Protein backbone atom coordinates (compact mmCIF):
# COMPACT_ATOMS: atom_id res chain seq x y z
CA MET A 1 -16.11 -23.52 38.60
CA CYS A 2 -14.18 -20.46 37.20
CA ILE A 3 -16.28 -18.05 35.94
CA ARG A 4 -16.01 -17.03 32.29
CA ASP A 5 -17.08 -14.05 30.01
CA SER A 6 -18.44 -16.53 26.80
CA TRP A 7 -21.82 -17.35 25.35
CA SER A 8 -21.14 -20.84 25.25
CA ASN A 9 -23.89 -23.05 26.47
CA ASN A 10 -21.51 -25.73 28.64
CA GLU A 11 -21.03 -24.78 31.87
CA TYR A 12 -18.76 -26.67 33.21
CA TYR A 13 -15.75 -26.39 29.88
CA SER A 14 -16.72 -22.93 27.96
CA ALA A 15 -14.84 -21.76 25.13
CA PRO A 16 -11.90 -19.34 25.83
CA LEU A 17 -12.52 -15.96 24.29
CA TRP A 18 -10.21 -16.67 21.55
CA TYR A 19 -11.82 -19.76 20.03
CA ALA A 20 -14.49 -17.23 18.03
CA SER A 21 -11.40 -15.67 16.20
CA TYR A 22 -9.61 -19.26 15.86
CA LEU A 23 -12.85 -20.66 13.91
CA ALA A 24 -13.03 -17.36 11.59
CA GLY A 25 -9.23 -18.23 10.82
CA TRP A 26 -7.91 -14.69 12.68
CA ILE A 27 -5.29 -16.48 14.22
CA ASP A 28 -3.98 -17.91 11.28
CA ILE A 29 -3.76 -14.54 9.29
CA ALA A 30 -2.07 -13.05 12.43
CA GLY A 31 0.31 -14.99 11.98
CA MET A 32 1.35 -14.56 8.16
CA VAL A 33 1.13 -10.77 9.01
CA PRO A 34 5.13 -10.75 10.25
CA ALA A 35 6.44 -13.03 7.43
CA PHE A 36 4.54 -10.93 4.82
CA LEU A 37 6.44 -7.60 6.42
CA LYS A 38 9.83 -9.67 6.65
CA LYS A 39 9.72 -10.31 2.33
CA PRO A 40 11.61 -7.46 0.65
CA MET A 41 9.06 -5.79 -1.40
CA PRO A 42 9.94 -4.49 -5.05
CA ILE A 43 10.62 -0.46 -5.24
CA ARG A 44 9.36 0.31 -8.42
CA SER A 45 5.81 -0.71 -9.12
CA PRO A 46 5.30 -2.76 -11.34
CA GLY A 47 5.31 -3.27 -15.15
CA ASN A 48 1.09 -3.53 -15.89
CA TRP A 49 1.08 0.38 -14.26
CA HIS A 50 0.32 2.81 -16.73
CA ILE A 51 0.75 6.52 -14.55
CA GLN A 52 -0.68 9.28 -16.79
CA ILE A 53 -0.22 13.21 -15.43
CA PRO A 54 -2.56 15.08 -17.11
CA TYR A 55 -1.05 18.03 -18.89
CA ALA A 56 -2.40 21.06 -16.73
CA PHE A 57 0.02 20.00 -15.08
CA TRP A 58 2.86 20.02 -16.67
CA ASP A 59 1.87 23.44 -18.73
CA ARG A 60 1.65 25.05 -14.69
CA GLN A 61 5.32 23.77 -13.79
CA PHE A 62 6.77 24.38 -17.38
CA PRO A 63 4.90 27.00 -18.86
CA ALA A 64 5.89 27.06 -22.64
CA ASN A 65 6.06 31.19 -22.40
CA GLN A 66 9.65 30.19 -20.68
CA PHE A 67 11.00 27.75 -22.86
CA GLY A 68 11.91 29.71 -26.44
CA ASN A 69 12.11 25.49 -27.89
CA LEU A 70 10.17 22.85 -27.44
CA ASP A 71 12.87 20.78 -27.33
CA LEU A 72 14.58 22.59 -23.79
CA ARG A 73 11.06 22.43 -22.41
CA LYS A 74 10.75 18.05 -22.66
CA ALA A 75 14.51 18.08 -21.77
CA ALA A 76 12.78 19.94 -18.58
CA ILE A 77 10.06 17.53 -18.21
CA GLU A 78 11.94 15.02 -18.32
CA GLN A 79 14.87 15.73 -16.23
CA TYR A 80 11.96 16.62 -13.41
CA MET A 81 10.61 13.12 -13.90
CA ASP A 82 13.90 11.19 -13.36
CA VAL A 83 14.50 13.02 -10.32
CA ALA A 84 11.02 12.29 -9.22
CA ILE A 85 11.67 8.54 -9.95
CA SER A 86 14.92 8.12 -8.49
CA ARG A 87 13.21 9.40 -4.73
């Protein structure tokens, strides 16, 4: 008789080690992981996400005293965001 490391009360036909994970459903989940990884992910975040950047970041990154005009500062901020998004 084979000696197995299991907690089964049946001496002759004890359950294999992986049977508990089969009953819990982990074998099916492990089979779904490769299919999930092959699925193409969208590059951009979905439309329901709204990213907020604090004003303190823009004040440090683009100080108002370095830009004579408010429009120049806004253009620099937009250019910075376009470069960050395209990465």
